Protein backbone atom coordinates (compact mmCIF):
# COMPACT_ATOMS: atom_id res chain seq x y z
CA UNK A 1 53.72 30.95 58.19
CA UNK A 2 54.08 34.25 60.07
CA UNK A 3 52.61 34.05 63.57
CA UNK A 4 50.49 36.81 65.12
CA UNK A 5 52.14 38.49 68.08
CA UNK A 6 50.81 40.44 71.03
CA UNK A 7 51.92 43.93 71.95
CA UNK A 8 54.42 42.32 74.30
CA UNK A 9 55.97 40.56 71.35
CA UNK A 10 54.98 37.01 72.32
CA UNK A 11 53.25 34.65 69.90
CA UNK A 12 49.50 34.79 70.50
CA UNK A 13 48.09 32.08 68.26
CA UNK A 14 48.44 28.50 67.07
CA UNK A 15 47.92 26.70 63.80
CA UNK A 16 46.42 23.70 65.61
CA UNK A 17 45.25 22.55 69.01
CA UNK A 18 45.56 18.74 69.22
CA UNK A 19 43.34 17.16 71.89
CA UNK A 20 43.85 13.76 73.59
CA UNK A 21 47.55 14.48 74.07
CA UNK A 22 48.21 11.20 75.88
CA UNK A 23 47.29 9.12 72.82
CA UNK A 24 49.69 7.88 70.17
CA UNK A 25 47.45 9.27 67.41
CA UNK A 26 47.72 12.76 68.85
CA UNK A 27 51.47 12.45 69.23
CA UNK A 28 51.70 11.50 65.55
CA UNK A 29 49.64 14.60 64.69
CA UNK A 30 51.81 16.89 66.82
CA UNK A 31 54.93 15.59 65.12
CA UNK A 32 53.48 15.75 61.62
CA UNK A 33 52.27 19.33 61.91
CA UNK A 34 55.35 20.47 63.82
CA UNK A 35 57.66 19.14 61.14
CA UNK A 36 55.60 21.00 58.55
CA UNK A 37 56.53 24.24 60.33
CA UNK A 38 53.16 24.75 62.03
CA UNK A 39 52.78 25.99 65.59
CA UNK A 40 51.01 23.31 67.63
CA UNK A 41 49.46 23.24 71.09
CA UNK A 42 48.38 19.99 72.77
CA UNK A 43 45.71 19.40 75.40
CA UNK A 44 44.61 16.52 77.61
CA UNK A 45 41.98 15.91 80.29
CA UNK A 46 43.19 16.30 83.86
CA UNK A 47 41.90 12.75 84.47
CA UNK A 48 44.64 11.48 82.11
CA UNK A 49 47.37 13.67 83.60
CA UNK A 50 49.01 11.76 86.44
CA UNK A 51 51.20 14.33 88.22
CA UNK A 52 53.90 11.67 88.62
CA UNK A 53 53.90 10.59 84.98
CA UNK A 54 54.38 12.49 81.69
CA UNK A 55 51.84 12.92 78.87
CA UNK A 56 53.27 11.75 75.52
CA UNK A 57 52.57 14.80 73.35
CA UNK A 58 53.59 17.23 76.10
CA UNK A 59 57.11 15.79 75.86
CA UNK A 60 57.45 16.33 72.12
CA UNK A 61 59.81 19.02 70.87
CA UNK A 62 57.06 20.05 68.47
CA UNK A 63 54.57 20.88 71.22
CA UNK A 64 54.66 24.66 71.67
CA UNK A 65 52.18 24.70 74.56
CA UNK A 66 50.55 22.14 76.83
CA UNK A 67 47.04 22.64 78.15
CA UNK A 68 45.05 20.65 80.74
CA UNK A 69 41.27 20.37 80.29
CA UNK A 70 38.32 19.21 82.39
CA UNK A 71 37.30 15.59 81.89
CA UNK A 72 35.18 15.01 78.78
CA UNK A 73 33.66 12.02 80.60
CA UNK A 74 32.66 13.78 83.82
CA UNK A 75 32.15 17.29 82.44
CA UNK A 76 31.74 17.39 78.63
CA UNK A 77 30.23 20.90 78.80
CA UNK A 78 33.22 22.18 80.75
CA UNK A 79 35.57 20.40 78.36
CA UNK A 80 34.07 22.08 75.30
CA UNK A 81 33.89 25.46 77.02
CA UNK A 82 37.55 25.26 78.04
CA UNK A 83 38.67 24.45 74.48
CA UNK A 84 36.57 27.32 73.13
CA UNK A 85 37.99 29.73 75.69
CA UNK A 86 41.52 28.67 74.76
CA UNK A 87 40.78 29.43 71.11
CA UNK A 88 39.30 32.79 72.11
CA UNK A 89 42.42 33.75 74.05
CA UNK A 90 44.90 32.18 71.61
CA UNK A 91 43.59 32.43 68.03
CA UNK A 92 43.78 28.88 66.68
CA UNK A 93 43.14 27.79 63.13
CA UNK A 94 42.16 24.13 63.68
CA UNK A 95 41.09 21.99 66.67
CA UNK A 96 41.68 18.27 66.17
CA UNK A 97 40.23 15.64 68.57
CA UNK A 98 41.32 12.02 68.15
CA UNK A 99 39.19 10.07 70.67
CA UNK A 100 35.49 9.22 70.65
CA UNK A 101 34.95 11.03 73.95
CA UNK A 102 36.59 14.26 72.82
CA UNK A 103 34.74 14.12 69.49
CA UNK A 104 31.40 13.72 71.28
CA UNK A 105 32.18 16.59 73.64
CA UNK A 106 33.40 18.95 70.90
CA UNK A 107 30.81 18.34 68.16
CA UNK A 108 28.22 20.70 69.77
CA UNK A 109 30.83 23.49 69.83
CA UNK A 110 31.53 23.44 66.10
CA UNK A 111 29.53 26.61 65.46
CA UNK A 112 31.07 28.58 68.34
CA UNK A 113 34.56 27.66 67.16
CA UNK A 114 33.67 28.73 63.62
CA UNK A 115 32.55 32.11 64.97
CA UNK A 116 36.06 32.47 66.36
CA UNK A 117 37.62 31.66 62.99
CA UNK A 118 38.56 28.13 64.05
CA UNK A 119 37.66 24.89 62.27
CA UNK A 120 36.82 21.68 64.13
CA UNK A 121 38.54 18.91 62.15
CA UNK A 122 35.60 16.49 62.07
CA UNK A 123 33.33 15.19 59.32
CA UNK A 124 29.85 16.77 59.09
CA UNK A 125 27.40 15.96 61.90
CA UNK A 126 25.11 13.79 59.70
CA UNK A 127 28.12 11.62 58.85
CA UNK A 128 29.01 11.24 62.52
CA UNK A 129 25.43 10.26 63.34
CA UNK A 130 25.60 7.27 60.99
CA UNK A 131 29.19 6.16 61.50
CA UNK A 132 29.09 6.38 65.30
CA UNK A 133 26.12 3.99 65.41
CA UNK A 134 27.04 0.45 64.34
CA UNK A 135 23.41 -0.48 63.73
CA UNK A 136 22.96 2.43 61.30
CA UNK A 137 26.27 1.59 59.63
CA UNK A 138 25.20 -2.00 59.03
CA UNK A 139 21.79 -0.87 57.75
CA UNK A 140 23.57 1.23 55.13
CA UNK A 141 25.92 -1.65 54.30
CA UNK A 142 22.90 -3.91 53.81
CA UNK A 143 21.43 -1.49 51.26
CA UNK A 144 24.75 -1.42 49.42
CA UNK A 145 25.17 -5.19 49.41
CA UNK A 146 28.31 -5.07 51.59
CA UNK A 147 28.79 -8.28 53.57
CA UNK A 148 28.99 -8.25 57.36
CA UNK A 149 28.72 -10.96 60.05
CA UNK A 150 25.26 -12.28 60.87
CA UNK A 151 23.96 -9.83 63.45
CA UNK A 152 21.11 -9.54 65.95
CA UNK A 153 20.21 -6.30 67.75
CA UNK A 154 19.50 -6.59 71.48
CA UNK A 155 17.73 -3.90 73.50
CA UNK A 156 18.20 -5.62 76.84
CA UNK A 157 18.70 -8.84 78.74
CA UNK A 158 15.16 -9.98 77.87
CA UNK A 159 16.32 -10.48 74.26
CA UNK A 160 19.00 -13.00 75.27
CA UNK A 161 16.87 -16.19 75.01
CA UNK A 162 16.02 -15.41 71.39
CA UNK A 163 19.71 -14.76 70.65
CA UNK A 164 20.80 -18.06 72.21
CA UNK A 165 18.28 -19.86 70.01
CA UNK A 166 20.06 -18.42 66.94
CA UNK A 167 23.76 -18.22 67.87
CA UNK A 168 26.21 -20.79 69.21
CA UNK A 169 29.06 -19.76 71.51
CA UNK A 170 31.46 -18.09 71.07
CA UNK A 171 29.99 -14.92 69.62
CA UNK A 172 30.74 -11.21 69.89
CA UNK A 173 28.76 -8.51 71.69
CA UNK A 174 29.29 -4.92 70.56
CA UNK A 175 27.79 -1.68 71.85
CA UNK A 176 25.93 0.07 69.04
CA UNK A 177 27.57 3.30 70.26
CA UNK A 178 31.09 3.05 71.71
CA UNK A 179 30.96 6.36 73.57
CA UNK A 180 27.71 7.11 75.38
CA UNK A 181 28.96 9.59 77.97
CA UNK A 182 27.52 7.40 80.74
CA UNK A 183 30.62 5.21 81.18
CA UNK A 184 34.09 6.46 82.16
CA UNK A 185 35.70 4.88 79.09
CA UNK A 186 34.95 3.74 75.56
CA UNK A 187 32.88 0.54 75.43
CA UNK A 188 34.80 -2.28 73.72
CA UNK A 189 33.50 -5.25 71.70
CA UNK A 190 33.72 -8.39 73.82
CA UNK A 191 33.63 -12.09 73.00
CA UNK A 192 31.50 -14.31 75.20
CA UNK A 193 31.81 -18.06 75.60
CA UNK A 194 28.88 -18.84 77.89
CA UNK A 195 25.54 -17.47 79.07
CA UNK A 196 26.91 -15.95 82.27
CA UNK A 197 29.41 -13.85 80.31
CA UNK A 198 26.69 -12.78 77.87
CA UNK A 199 24.46 -11.60 80.73
CA UNK A 200 27.32 -9.60 82.29
CA UNK A 201 28.30 -7.87 79.04
CA UNK A 202 24.74 -7.06 77.95
CA UNK A 203 23.98 -5.65 81.39
CA UNK A 204 27.14 -3.53 81.32
CA UNK A 205 26.49 -2.14 77.84
CA UNK A 206 22.80 -1.38 78.35
CA UNK A 207 23.60 0.13 81.74
CA UNK A 208 25.91 2.55 79.94
CA UNK A 209 23.10 3.60 77.60
CA UNK A 210 23.90 1.51 74.51
CA UNK A 211 21.92 -1.15 72.69
CA UNK A 212 23.89 -4.31 71.94
CA UNK A 213 24.78 -5.88 68.61
CA UNK A 214 25.46 -9.63 68.71
CA UNK A 215 27.57 -10.94 65.86
CA UNK A 216 29.04 -14.23 64.81
CA UNK A 217 32.74 -14.41 65.59
CA UNK A 218 34.99 -14.12 62.55
CA UNK A 219 38.23 -16.10 62.78
CA UNK A 220 40.16 -14.65 59.83
CA UNK A 221 42.63 -11.83 59.32
CA UNK A 222 41.87 -8.26 60.33
CA UNK A 223 42.30 -5.87 57.41
CA UNK A 224 41.34 -2.29 56.84
CA UNK A 225 41.91 0.83 54.82
CA UNK A 226 42.26 4.46 55.84
CA UNK A 227 40.72 6.84 53.32
CA UNK A 228 40.93 10.59 52.95
CA UNK A 229 37.95 12.03 51.11
CA UNK A 230 37.78 15.61 49.87
CA UNK A 231 35.02 16.96 47.67
CA UNK A 232 33.55 13.49 47.26
CA UNK A 233 36.85 12.10 45.91
CA UNK A 234 39.28 9.71 47.59
CA UNK A 235 42.59 11.57 47.41
CA UNK A 236 44.65 9.23 49.60
CA UNK A 237 44.42 5.75 51.06
CA UNK A 238 46.56 3.26 52.96
CA UNK A 239 45.66 -0.38 53.60
CA UNK A 240 46.83 -2.40 56.58
CA UNK A 241 46.76 -5.79 58.25
CA UNK A 242 46.21 -5.63 62.02
CA UNK A 243 48.22 -8.59 63.28
CA UNK A 244 47.48 -7.89 66.95
CA UNK A 245 45.22 -5.60 68.94
CA UNK A 246 44.74 -4.90 72.64
CA UNK A 247 42.22 -5.93 73.85
CA UNK A 248 42.54 -8.92 71.54
CA UNK A 249 39.06 -8.44 70.05
CA UNK A 250 38.55 -5.05 68.40
CA UNK A 251 40.98 -3.13 70.58
CA UNK A 252 43.76 -0.68 69.78
CA UNK A 253 46.13 -1.68 66.99
CA UNK A 254 49.50 -2.75 68.43
CA UNK A 255 51.17 -4.63 65.54
CA UNK A 256 50.25 -3.85 61.97
CA UNK A 257 51.61 -4.02 58.44
CA UNK A 258 50.88 -1.93 55.36
CA UNK A 259 49.41 -3.74 52.38
CA UNK A 260 48.20 -3.04 48.88
CA UNK A 261 44.47 -2.85 49.55
CA UNK A 262 42.69 -5.72 47.75
CA UNK A 263 39.65 -4.78 45.66
CA UNK A 264 37.29 -6.87 47.81
CA UNK A 265 38.01 -4.43 50.65
CA UNK A 266 38.78 -1.19 48.83
CA UNK A 267 35.68 -1.16 46.62
CA UNK A 268 33.11 -1.70 49.39
CA UNK A 269 34.96 0.77 51.64
CA UNK A 270 34.76 3.49 48.99
CA UNK A 271 31.10 2.66 48.31
CA UNK A 272 30.31 2.97 52.01
CA UNK A 273 32.04 6.30 52.59
CA UNK A 274 30.53 7.70 49.39
CA UNK A 275 27.03 6.68 50.46
CA UNK A 276 27.43 8.20 53.91
CA UNK A 277 28.69 11.50 52.44
CA UNK A 278 32.10 11.28 54.07
CA UNK A 279 34.39 14.29 54.01
CA UNK A 280 37.74 14.05 55.76
CA UNK A 281 39.58 11.01 57.13
CA UNK A 282 38.13 7.65 58.13
CA UNK A 283 39.18 4.04 58.64
CA UNK A 284 37.01 1.18 57.37
CA UNK A 285 37.70 -2.13 59.14
CA UNK A 286 37.01 -5.65 57.92
CA UNK A 287 37.66 -9.14 59.17
CA UNK A 288 37.75 -12.20 56.99
CA UNK A 289 35.67 -15.26 57.79
CA UNK A 290 36.88 -18.86 57.76
CA UNK A 291 36.43 -18.94 53.96
CA UNK A 292 38.50 -15.77 53.48
CA UNK A 293 35.57 -13.47 52.66
CA UNK A 294 35.86 -9.90 54.05
CA UNK A 295 33.14 -8.89 56.48
CA UNK A 296 32.57 -5.25 57.43
CA UNK A 297 33.29 -4.51 61.09
CA UNK A 298 32.93 -0.74 61.41
CA UNK A 299 33.94 2.67 60.12
CA UNK A 300 35.91 5.07 62.33
CA UNK A 301 35.63 8.75 61.45
CA UNK A 302 38.79 9.72 63.28
CA UNK A 303 42.52 9.13 63.16
CA UNK A 304 42.91 5.60 64.52
CA UNK A 305 45.66 3.53 66.09
CA UNK A 306 46.98 2.44 62.69
CA UNK A 307 48.00 6.04 61.94
CA UNK A 308 51.70 5.45 62.67
CA UNK A 309 51.76 2.67 60.08
CA UNK A 310 50.38 4.97 57.38
CA UNK A 311 52.90 7.68 58.25
CA UNK A 312 55.84 5.26 58.19
CA UNK A 313 54.52 4.20 54.78
CA UNK A 314 54.72 7.82 53.60
CA UNK A 315 51.03 8.80 53.84
CA UNK A 316 50.80 11.88 56.08
CA UNK A 317 47.13 11.88 57.05
CA UNK A 318 47.47 14.44 59.91
CA UNK A 319 48.80 17.11 57.57
CA UNK A 320 46.03 16.33 55.09
CA UNK A 321 43.45 16.71 57.88
CA UNK A 322 44.91 20.06 58.89
CA UNK A 323 44.97 21.40 55.32
CA UNK A 324 41.40 20.13 54.73
CA UNK A 325 40.09 21.74 57.90
CA UNK A 326 41.98 24.97 57.15
CA UNK A 327 40.39 25.16 53.70
CA UNK A 328 43.65 24.60 51.82
CA UNK A 329 44.06 22.39 48.72
CA UNK A 330 45.09 18.76 49.14
CA UNK A 331 47.15 17.03 46.48
CA UNK A 332 46.23 13.49 45.47
CA UNK A 333 48.63 11.05 47.12
CA UNK A 334 50.37 8.42 45.05
CA UNK A 335 51.29 4.88 46.06
CA UNK A 336 52.97 3.61 49.20
CA UNK A 337 55.12 0.56 49.97
CA UNK A 338 53.52 -2.64 51.22
CA UNK A 339 55.10 -4.66 54.02
CA UNK A 340 55.96 -1.77 56.36
CA UNK A 341 55.58 -3.11 59.92
CA UNK A 342 55.04 -0.89 62.96
CA UNK A 343 54.64 -1.83 66.60
CA UNK A 344 53.43 -0.32 69.87
CA UNK A 345 55.70 -2.00 72.42
CA UNK A 346 53.72 -1.01 75.50
CA UNK A 347 50.57 -2.40 73.90
CA UNK A 348 52.43 -5.59 72.98
CA UNK A 349 53.40 -6.08 76.62
CA UNK A 350 49.77 -5.63 77.58
CA UNK A 351 48.72 -8.15 74.91
CA UNK A 352 51.27 -10.66 76.21
CA UNK A 353 49.93 -10.29 79.75
CA UNK A 354 46.30 -10.52 78.66
CA UNK A 355 46.91 -13.56 76.47
CA UNK A 356 48.15 -15.52 79.50
CA UNK A 357 44.73 -14.99 81.05
CA UNK A 358 42.84 -15.82 77.86
CA UNK A 359 44.44 -19.03 76.58
CA UNK A 360 41.75 -21.14 74.97
CA UNK A 361 39.45 -18.23 74.18
CA UNK A 362 38.85 -16.67 70.74
CA UNK A 363 41.82 -14.67 69.40
CA UNK A 364 44.23 -16.22 71.91
CA UNK A 365 47.28 -18.41 71.44
CA UNK A 366 49.32 -20.73 73.63
CA UNK A 367 51.64 -19.07 76.11
CA UNK A 368 54.73 -20.45 74.41
CA UNK A 369 53.57 -19.27 70.99
CA UNK A 370 52.71 -15.84 72.42
CA UNK A 371 56.21 -15.38 73.85
CA UNK A 372 57.73 -16.49 70.52
CA UNK A 373 55.51 -14.08 68.55
CA UNK A 374 56.38 -11.24 70.93
CA UNK A 375 60.13 -11.89 70.81
CA UNK A 376 60.57 -12.39 67.09
CA UNK A 377 59.07 -8.99 66.30
CA UNK A 378 62.23 -7.36 67.64
CA UNK A 379 63.92 -8.80 64.54
CA UNK A 380 61.07 -8.17 62.09
CA UNK A 381 59.66 -4.76 62.96
CA UNK A 382 61.89 -1.68 62.58
CA UNK A 383 59.35 1.02 63.49
CA UNK A 384 58.01 1.64 67.00
CA UNK A 385 55.20 3.97 68.01
CA UNK A 386 56.42 6.96 70.06
CA UNK A 387 60.09 6.29 69.14
CA UNK A 388 61.62 8.92 66.88
CA UNK A 389 65.34 9.64 67.07
CA UNK A 390 64.64 13.30 66.22
CA UNK A 391 62.12 13.60 69.06
CA UNK A 392 63.06 11.31 71.94
CA UNK A 393 61.00 12.96 74.68
CA UNK A 394 57.80 10.92 74.09
CA UNK A 395 59.72 7.61 74.01
CA UNK A 396 61.35 8.46 77.33
CA UNK A 397 57.90 9.37 78.66
CA UNK A 398 56.42 6.03 77.63
CA UNK A 399 59.37 4.21 79.16
CA UNK A 400 58.62 5.92 82.48
CA UNK A 401 54.95 4.97 82.17
CA UNK A 402 55.88 1.35 81.41
CA UNK A 403 58.30 1.09 84.34
CA UNK A 404 55.70 2.57 86.69
CA UNK A 405 53.07 0.09 85.49
CA UNK A 406 55.40 -2.88 85.92
CA UNK A 407 56.36 -1.77 89.43
CA UNK A 408 52.71 -1.39 90.42
CA UNK A 409 51.94 -4.82 89.00
CA UNK A 410 54.67 -6.35 91.16
CA UNK A 411 53.37 -4.57 94.23
CA UNK A 412 49.75 -5.52 93.51
CA UNK A 413 49.57 -8.49 91.11
CA UNK A 414 45.77 -8.61 91.31
CA UNK A 415 45.38 -5.08 89.96
CA UNK A 416 45.39 -4.14 86.28
CA UNK A 417 48.04 -1.47 85.75
CA UNK A 418 49.03 -2.03 82.11
CA UNK A 419 46.06 -0.11 80.75
């Protein structure tokens, strides 16, 4: 498309501003839109911008401008104001956040961006209210007859004795809301194997402003499906198996494989997003129990860590999101190949390190088996997050980040640098 220019002849506007530039999801978006011929800017919080280390999306050839923002954790008002001011000064068609923190900070600015002719690429606020709260999500699933693990809602540590009368260890504790704004990072589901661990996790979650959902631990395979909904119709989907995540329980996807989505996952996923009034992209996650029955875990109304797998399978969700937000038509997507494996090598190294500390706990394996699983993927998985031979800058950036983390770990073995 033809770009607007200032009187000085320089380009004044952008087709998209991608937030969370340090994340792999945002890098995938920058590359997708850039290859489509769109002019893309990328932004990241100053808290994520180590002056000695590069930011992934800033090193992409498709990033036309890099922009540093206030922290959405420490100053969400300043974060939203800075994004809005950028759009005011540089007319931008779509703003796309990819993290829970950036979504929370930007949602109140939707109207102000619209006044500037810019769309915030998020589902409607009522959808976010339900999907961002796991307790509300499960209440809706219960009405629809969608199975999920046996769950008990805890409001504080005083509810623990009643929980221990119902559940045996190990079980899982989840914050009802992953991003509360009162903690510096997203709250992660955590398995607990004794009462002391349960007390620590409940205290940490409630101290960050979230109620706690206790659930039975599911031991089966993690499966999910990413759906794109437009006008109440699913126009694209891509199923996946999450072989490994970091952290091991409910963390970022680090090794995944595309699959033909089985009906016992696809049908309840579509029923759930239809009931919630979904518009845009979302990922519905399940985990199978010991008998192989799928149990609903959560719904993410954002581009998630499995995005690279969908794109390597030929389903370009970022471009669909941009066209949807820009008010352009979206063609129905056809099929995609099953068995496409993708891997985040940095995350795999982190998983290997963490597994050594977790042997014997849920979702862990022996150290020897972990090393074998890590090594054999070099022969099984052809696609790596951040690595693109047409755009090598981000891969070089991640290599620098990895080397720096390893060096710090050697200097201070007690510290946690592979984060």
